[in-house]
């Protein structure tokens, strides 16, 4: 892409220098308030341990790891999760879409999304799923990229559903609606919260990319 930024696929074995730079991006995003499964305090070593697990998943063929490089250094990343159930060979998960705060405003996030969608097409994955937080930067990016919102989490007793309450997935329901040449896919995931003896519905953002 323009502006001196390139998007690359990090193949196995992922170099230690790349893991170190990826970790710096993750730490910066968490310090900036990104909702990506981790909470501060979150050290560079914590991030490095996470990306070493990602590297093992890349080596196993379960993850495609993409990185955005500017001036030879990684400033953004996104993952394509391929480890899906046997009856879902068409689906993949978009995970950990991160751009360092110092590198934002240059179209890097959009370029990463285009690249991860291309990687999905190359692998025959025509249904992509991700979760996000309405109103956050990532949410706005995904909507601009053409993703479809299927809903927002339900609430119970005035308390909003958070990732901390999700303990088990109950079932998945996929509904596809074709509108001319455009296919829009909706997804609903049911999760349970035994502590509240209740079931919530968590709707996620999805896109039909074929």
C-alpha atoms as a PDB file:
ATOM      1  CA  UNK A   1       0.000   0.000   0.000  1.00  0.00           C
ATOM      2  CA  UNK A   2       1.037   3.637  -0.248  1.00  0.00           C
ATOM      3  CA  UNK A   3       2.645   5.699   2.474  1.00  0.00           C
ATOM      4  CA  UNK A   4       5.580   3.334   2.991  1.00  0.00           C
ATOM      5  CA  UNK A   5       3.465   0.664   4.683  1.00  0.00           C
ATOM      6  CA  UNK A   6       3.365  -2.957   3.514  1.00  0.00           C
ATOM      7  CA  UNK A   7       1.204  -5.860   4.646  1.00  0.00           C
ATOM      8  CA  UNK A   8       2.984  -9.197   4.974  1.00  0.00           C
ATOM      9  CA  UNK A   9       2.112 -12.711   6.085  1.00  0.00           C
ATOM     10  CA  UNK A  10       4.398 -13.922   8.855  1.00  0.00           C
ATOM     11  CA  UNK A  11       5.191 -17.529   8.075  1.00  0.00           C
ATOM     12  CA  UNK A  12       6.466 -20.143  10.510  1.00  0.00           C
ATOM     13  CA  UNK A  13       8.804 -20.002  12.231  1.00  0.00           C
ATOM     14  CA  UNK A  14       7.934 -16.453  13.244  1.00  0.00           C
ATOM     15  CA  UNK A  15      11.156 -14.577  13.988  1.00  0.00           C
ATOM     16  CA  UNK A  16      11.887 -13.459  17.540  1.00  0.00           C
ATOM     17  CA  UNK A  17      12.263  -9.852  16.349  1.00  0.00           C
ATOM     18  CA  UNK A  18       8.783  -9.986  14.820  1.00  0.00           C
ATOM     19  CA  UNK A  19       7.315 -11.429  18.018  1.00  0.00           C
ATOM     20  CA  UNK A  20       8.945  -8.630  20.003  1.00  0.00           C
ATOM     21  CA  UNK A  21       7.486  -5.953  17.719  1.00  0.00           C
ATOM     22  CA  UNK A  22       4.046  -7.571  17.713  1.00  0.00           C
ATOM     23  CA  UNK A  23       4.163  -7.572  21.503  1.00  0.00           C
ATOM     24  CA  UNK A  24       4.907  -3.845  21.538  1.00  0.00           C
ATOM     25  CA  UNK A  25       1.843  -3.202  19.383  1.00  0.00           C
ATOM     26  CA  UNK A  26      -0.373  -5.264  21.671  1.00  0.00           C
ATOM     27  CA  UNK A  27       0.870  -3.530  24.826  1.00  0.00           C
ATOM     28  CA  UNK A  28       0.315  -0.107  23.265  1.00  0.00           C
ATOM     29  CA  UNK A  29      -3.236  -0.975  22.206  1.00  0.00           C
ATOM     30  CA  UNK A  30      -4.133  -2.282  25.660  1.00  0.00           C
ATOM     31  CA  UNK A  31      -2.688   0.852  27.264  1.00  0.00           C
ATOM     32  CA  UNK A  32      -4.910   2.793  24.873  1.00  0.00           C
ATOM     33  CA  UNK A  33      -8.019   1.012  26.107  1.00  0.00           C
ATOM     34  CA  UNK A  34      -8.501  -1.558  23.345  1.00  0.00           C
ATOM     35  CA  UNK A  35     -10.914  -4.384  24.199  1.00  0.00           C
ATOM     36  CA  UNK A  36      -8.842  -7.373  23.071  1.00  0.00           C
ATOM     37  CA  UNK A  37      -9.282  -9.910  25.915  1.00  0.00           C
ATOM     38  CA  UNK A  38      -6.552  -8.458  28.130  1.00  0.00           C
ATOM     39  CA  UNK A  39      -6.582  -5.844  30.875  1.00  0.00           C
ATOM     40  CA  UNK A  40      -3.857  -3.646  32.378  1.00  0.00           C
ATOM     41  CA  UNK A  41      -1.459  -4.076  33.951  1.00  0.00           C
ATOM     42  CA  UNK A  42      -0.174  -5.996  30.943  1.00  0.00           C
ATOM     43  CA  UNK A  43       3.579  -6.253  30.440  1.00  0.00           C
ATOM     44  CA  UNK A  44       5.686  -6.777  27.363  1.00  0.00           C
ATOM     45  CA  UNK A  45       6.515 -10.246  28.668  1.00  0.00           C
ATOM     46  CA  UNK A  46       2.791 -11.008  28.925  1.00  0.00           C
ATOM     47  CA  UNK A  47       2.339  -9.961  25.306  1.00  0.00           C
ATOM     48  CA  UNK A  48       5.355 -11.962  24.211  1.00  0.00           C
ATOM     49  CA  UNK A  49       3.963 -15.078  25.874  1.00  0.00           C
ATOM     50  CA  UNK A  50       0.695 -14.551  24.002  1.00  0.00           C
ATOM     51  CA  UNK A  51       2.347 -14.133  20.616  1.00  0.00           C
ATOM     52  CA  UNK A  52       4.527 -17.182  21.166  1.00  0.00           C
ATOM     53  CA  UNK A  53       1.300 -19.164  21.432  1.00  0.00           C
ATOM     54  CA  UNK A  54       0.092 -17.498  18.236  1.00  0.00           C
ATOM     55  CA  UNK A  55       3.359 -18.472  16.549  1.00  0.00           C
ATOM     56  CA  UNK A  56       2.795 -22.094  17.570  1.00  0.00           C
ATOM     57  CA  UNK A  57      -0.682 -21.889  16.048  1.00  0.00           C
ATOM     58  CA  UNK A  58       0.820 -20.506  12.839  1.00  0.00           C
ATOM     59  CA  UNK A  59       3.240 -23.440  12.752  1.00  0.00           C
ATOM     60  CA  UNK A  60       0.314 -25.841  13.225  1.00  0.00           C
ATOM     61  CA  UNK A  61      -1.555 -24.291  10.300  1.00  0.00           C
ATOM     62  CA  UNK A  62      -4.390 -23.049  12.490  1.00  0.00           C
ATOM     63  CA  UNK A  63      -3.678 -19.326  12.200  1.00  0.00           C
ATOM     64  CA  UNK A  64      -2.630 -16.901   9.483  1.00  0.00           C
ATOM     65  CA  UNK A  65      -0.684 -14.030  11.052  1.00  0.00           C
ATOM     66  CA  UNK A  66      -0.491 -10.780   9.117  1.00  0.00           C
ATOM     67  CA  UNK A  67       1.567  -7.712   9.962  1.00  0.00           C
ATOM     68  CA  UNK A  68       1.709  -4.130   8.745  1.00  0.00           C
ATOM     69  CA  UNK A  69       5.250  -2.788   8.462  1.00  0.00           C
ATOM     70  CA  UNK A  70       6.340   0.843   8.303  1.00  0.00           C
ATOM     71  CA  UNK A  71      10.029   1.695   7.960  1.00  0.00           C
ATOM     72  CA  UNK A  72      10.818  -1.965   8.493  1.00  0.00           C
ATOM     73  CA  UNK A  73       9.033  -2.194  11.819  1.00  0.00           C
ATOM     74  CA  UNK A  74       5.704  -3.870  12.642  1.00  0.00           C
ATOM     75  CA  UNK A  75       3.052  -1.278  13.526  1.00  0.00           C
ATOM     76  CA  UNK A  76      -0.111  -3.345  13.093  1.00  0.00           C
ATOM     77  CA  UNK A  77      -1.371  -6.907  12.931  1.00  0.00           C
ATOM     78  CA  UNK A  78      -4.406  -9.118  12.459  1.00  0.00           C
ATOM     79  CA  UNK A  79      -5.010 -12.866  12.634  1.00  0.00           C
ATOM     80  CA  UNK A  80      -7.166 -15.258  10.635  1.00  0.00           C
ATOM     81  CA  UNK A  81      -8.232 -18.190  12.794  1.00  0.00           C
ATOM     82  CA  UNK A  82      -8.698 -21.366  10.742  1.00  0.00           C
ATOM     83  CA  UNK A  83      -9.241 -23.836  13.581  1.00  0.00           C
ATOM     84  CA  UNK A  84     -12.978 -24.310  13.124  1.00  0.00           C
ATOM     85  CA  UNK A  85     -15.224 -27.353  13.696  1.00  0.00           C
ATOM     86  CA  UNK A  86     -15.373 -30.006  10.940  1.00  0.00           C
ATOM     87  CA  UNK A  87     -18.828 -28.852   9.851  1.00  0.00           C
ATOM     88  CA  UNK A  88     -17.633 -25.258   9.327  1.00  0.00           C
ATOM     89  CA  UNK A  89     -14.796 -25.496   6.769  1.00  0.00           C
ATOM     90  CA  UNK A  90     -16.159 -22.347   5.105  1.00  0.00           C
ATOM     91  CA  UNK A  91     -15.755 -20.138   8.198  1.00  0.00           C
ATOM     92  CA  UNK A  92     -12.814 -18.327   9.793  1.00  0.00           C
ATOM     93  CA  UNK A  93     -12.384 -15.925  12.699  1.00  0.00           C
ATOM     94  CA  UNK A  94     -10.780 -12.504  12.385  1.00  0.00           C
ATOM     95  CA  UNK A  95      -8.885 -11.830  15.608  1.00  0.00           C
ATOM     96  CA  UNK A  96      -6.635  -9.291  17.287  1.00  0.00           C
ATOM     97  CA  UNK A  97      -6.844  -6.484  14.715  1.00  0.00           C
ATOM     98  CA  UNK A  98      -4.323  -4.050  16.209  1.00  0.00           C
ATOM     99  CA  UNK A  99      -2.652  -0.852  15.056  1.00  0.00           C
ATOM    100  CA  UNK A 100      -0.136   1.013  17.200  1.00  0.00           C
ATOM    101  CA  UNK A 101      -1.533   4.381  18.248  1.00  0.00           C
ATOM    102  CA  UNK A 102       1.455   6.204  16.760  1.00  0.00           C
ATOM    103  CA  UNK A 103       0.694   4.691  13.340  1.00  0.00           C
ATOM    104  CA  UNK A 104      -3.040   5.339  13.163  1.00  0.00           C
ATOM    105  CA  UNK A 105      -4.697   7.626  10.640  1.00  0.00           C
ATOM    106  CA  UNK A 106      -2.742   6.163   7.705  1.00  0.00           C
ATOM    107  CA  UNK A 107      -5.253   3.569   6.497  1.00  0.00           C
ATOM    108  CA  UNK A 108      -3.347   0.686   8.062  1.00  0.00           C
ATOM    109  CA  UNK A 109      -6.394  -0.848   9.711  1.00  0.00           C
ATOM    110  CA  UNK A 110      -8.336  -0.872   6.444  1.00  0.00           C
ATOM    111  CA  UNK A 111      -5.346  -2.377   4.622  1.00  0.00           C
ATOM    112  CA  UNK A 112      -5.066  -5.124   7.233  1.00  0.00           C
ATOM    113  CA  UNK A 113      -8.766  -5.917   6.868  1.00  0.00           C
ATOM    114  CA  UNK A 114      -8.472  -6.121   3.087  1.00  0.00           C
ATOM    115  CA  UNK A 115      -5.447  -8.395   3.447  1.00  0.00           C
ATOM    116  CA  UNK A 116      -7.073 -10.741   5.946  1.00  0.00           C
ATOM    117  CA  UNK A 117     -10.169 -11.026   3.741  1.00  0.00           C
ATOM    118  CA  UNK A 118      -7.897 -11.865   0.812  1.00  0.00           C
ATOM    119  CA  UNK A 119      -6.136 -14.520   2.874  1.00  0.00           C
ATOM    120  CA  UNK A 120      -9.533 -15.995   3.717  1.00  0.00           C
ATOM    121  CA  UNK A 121     -10.559 -16.157   0.051  1.00  0.00           C
ATOM    122  CA  UNK A 122      -7.303 -17.888  -0.864  1.00  0.00           C
ATOM    123  CA  UNK A 123      -8.119 -20.593   1.659  1.00  0.00           C
ATOM    124  CA  UNK A 124     -11.740 -21.053   0.649  1.00  0.00           C
ATOM    125  CA  UNK A 125     -13.117 -19.392   3.780  1.00  0.00           C
ATOM    126  CA  UNK A 126     -16.101 -17.347   2.620  1.00  0.00           C
ATOM    127  CA  UNK A 127     -17.670 -16.571   5.991  1.00  0.00           C
ATOM    128  CA  UNK A 128     -15.721 -14.389   8.417  1.00  0.00           C
ATOM    129  CA  UNK A 129     -16.710 -13.645  11.997  1.00  0.00           C
ATOM    130  CA  UNK A 130     -15.391 -11.206  14.574  1.00  0.00           C
ATOM    131  CA  UNK A 131     -16.572  -9.571  17.768  1.00  0.00           C
ATOM    132  CA  UNK A 132     -16.192  -5.918  18.638  1.00  0.00           C
ATOM    133  CA  UNK A 133     -17.436  -3.184  20.950  1.00  0.00           C
ATOM    134  CA  UNK A 134     -19.965  -0.712  19.498  1.00  0.00           C
ATOM    135  CA  UNK A 135     -18.676   2.824  19.424  1.00  0.00           C
ATOM    136  CA  UNK A 136     -14.997   1.899  19.576  1.00  0.00           C
ATOM    137  CA  UNK A 137     -12.483   2.614  16.801  1.00  0.00           C
ATOM    138  CA  UNK A 138     -12.493  -1.003  15.658  1.00  0.00           C
ATOM    139  CA  UNK A 139     -16.259  -1.057  15.348  1.00  0.00           C
ATOM    140  CA  UNK A 140     -16.219   2.025  13.116  1.00  0.00           C
ATOM    141  CA  UNK A 141     -13.452   0.535  11.006  1.00  0.00           C
ATOM    142  CA  UNK A 142     -15.362  -2.701  10.411  1.00  0.00           C
ATOM    143  CA  UNK A 143     -18.499  -0.846   9.408  1.00  0.00           C
ATOM    144  CA  UNK A 144     -16.529   1.273   6.928  1.00  0.00           C
ATOM    145  CA  UNK A 145     -15.018  -1.927   5.550  1.00  0.00           C
ATOM    146  CA  UNK A 146     -18.525  -3.177   4.719  1.00  0.00           C
ATOM    147  CA  UNK A 147     -19.132  -5.564   7.602  1.00  0.00           C
ATOM    148  CA  UNK A 148     -22.703  -6.142   8.794  1.00  0.00           C
ATOM    149  CA  UNK A 149     -23.756  -5.791  12.418  1.00  0.00           C
ATOM    150  CA  UNK A 150     -26.213  -8.464  13.468  1.00  0.00           C
ATOM    151  CA  UNK A 151     -27.053  -6.999  16.859  1.00  0.00           C
ATOM    152  CA  UNK A 152     -25.745  -6.047  20.286  1.00  0.00           C
ATOM    153  CA  UNK A 153     -25.566  -7.999  23.567  1.00  0.00           C
ATOM    154  CA  UNK A 154     -28.748  -8.303  25.561  1.00  0.00           C
ATOM    155  CA  UNK A 155     -28.702  -7.116  29.157  1.00  0.00           C
ATOM    156  CA  UNK A 156     -30.102  -8.551  32.371  1.00  0.00           C
ATOM    157  CA  UNK A 157     -31.001  -6.575  35.492  1.00  0.00           C
ATOM    158  CA  UNK A 158     -29.375  -3.513  33.978  1.00  0.00           C
ATOM    159  CA  UNK A 159     -25.951  -5.127  33.839  1.00  0.00           C
ATOM    160  CA  UNK A 160     -24.403  -5.278  30.380  1.00  0.00           C
ATOM    161  CA  UNK A 161     -22.835  -8.510  29.223  1.00  0.00           C
ATOM    162  CA  UNK A 162     -19.045  -8.384  29.325  1.00  0.00           C
ATOM    163  CA  UNK A 163     -16.401 -10.874  28.245  1.00  0.00           C
ATOM    164  CA  UNK A 164     -15.889 -11.766  31.900  1.00  0.00           C
ATOM    165  CA  UNK A 165     -19.375 -13.316  32.069  1.00  0.00           C
ATOM    166  CA  UNK A 166     -18.938 -15.583  29.065  1.00  0.00           C
ATOM    167  CA  UNK A 167     -18.107 -19.060  30.245  1.00  0.00           C
ATOM    168  CA  UNK A 168     -19.484 -21.413  27.596  1.00  0.00           C
ATOM    169  CA  UNK A 169     -20.948 -21.296  24.119  1.00  0.00           C
ATOM    170  CA  UNK A 170     -24.375 -22.937  23.918  1.00  0.00           C
ATOM    171  CA  UNK A 171     -25.161 -22.900  20.210  1.00  0.00           C
ATOM    172  CA  UNK A 172     -24.637 -21.054  16.943  1.00  0.00           C
ATOM    173  CA  UNK A 173     -27.318 -20.007  14.497  1.00  0.00           C
ATOM    174  CA  UNK A 174     -26.421 -18.842  10.991  1.00  0.00           C
ATOM    175  CA  UNK A 175     -28.929 -17.163   8.693  1.00  0.00           C
ATOM    176  CA  UNK A 176     -28.029 -16.102   5.153  1.00  0.00           C
ATOM    177  CA  UNK A 177     -30.009 -13.601   3.087  1.00  0.00           C
ATOM    178  CA  UNK A 178     -29.196 -13.064  -0.597  1.00  0.00           C
ATOM    179  CA  UNK A 179     -30.009  -9.675  -2.094  1.00  0.00           C
ATOM    180  CA  UNK A 180     -29.105  -9.635  -5.776  1.00  0.00           C
ATOM    181  CA  UNK A 181     -25.354 -10.053  -6.015  1.00  0.00           C
ATOM    182  CA  UNK A 182     -24.889  -9.181  -2.349  1.00  0.00           C
ATOM    183  CA  UNK A 183     -24.990 -11.861   0.325  1.00  0.00           C
ATOM    184  CA  UNK A 184     -25.367 -10.757   3.925  1.00  0.00           C
ATOM    185  CA  UNK A 185     -24.737 -13.220   6.726  1.00  0.00           C
ATOM    186  CA  UNK A 186     -25.994 -12.883  10.281  1.00  0.00           C
ATOM    187  CA  UNK A 187     -24.736 -14.782  13.301  1.00  0.00           C
ATOM    188  CA  UNK A 188     -26.034 -15.276  16.797  1.00  0.00           C
ATOM    189  CA  UNK A 189     -24.002 -16.927  19.542  1.00  0.00           C
ATOM    190  CA  UNK A 190     -25.661 -17.941  22.810  1.00  0.00           C
ATOM    191  CA  UNK A 191     -23.540 -17.872  25.930  1.00  0.00           C
ATOM    192  CA  UNK A 192     -24.308 -18.755  29.501  1.00  0.00           C
ATOM    193  CA  UNK A 193     -23.527 -17.124  32.812  1.00  0.00           C
ATOM    194  CA  UNK A 194     -23.971 -19.756  35.524  1.00  0.00           C
ATOM    195  CA  UNK A 195     -23.272 -17.196  38.246  1.00  0.00           C
ATOM    196  CA  UNK A 196     -26.454 -15.361  37.281  1.00  0.00           C
ATOM    197  CA  UNK A 197     -28.270 -18.543  36.243  1.00  0.00           C
ATOM    198  CA  UNK A 198     -29.087 -16.848  32.955  1.00  0.00           C
ATOM    199  CA  UNK A 199     -28.473 -17.089  29.245  1.00  0.00           C
ATOM    200  CA  UNK A 200     -27.457 -14.118  27.150  1.00  0.00           C
ATOM    201  CA  UNK A 201     -27.389 -13.567  23.428  1.00  0.00           C
ATOM    202  CA  UNK A 202     -24.162 -12.156  22.020  1.00  0.00           C
ATOM    203  CA  UNK A 203     -24.484 -11.035  18.422  1.00  0.00           C
ATOM    204  CA  UNK A 204     -21.313 -10.552  16.442  1.00  0.00           C
ATOM    205  CA  UNK A 205     -20.259  -8.683  13.325  1.00  0.00           C
ATOM    206  CA  UNK A 206     -19.927 -10.876  10.248  1.00  0.00           C
ATOM    207  CA  UNK A 207     -19.340 -10.544   6.521  1.00  0.00           C
ATOM    208  CA  UNK A 208     -19.877 -12.649   3.423  1.00  0.00           C
ATOM    209  CA  UNK A 209     -16.657 -12.199   1.466  1.00  0.00           C
ATOM    210  CA  UNK A 210     -17.287 -14.353  -1.617  1.00  0.00           C
END
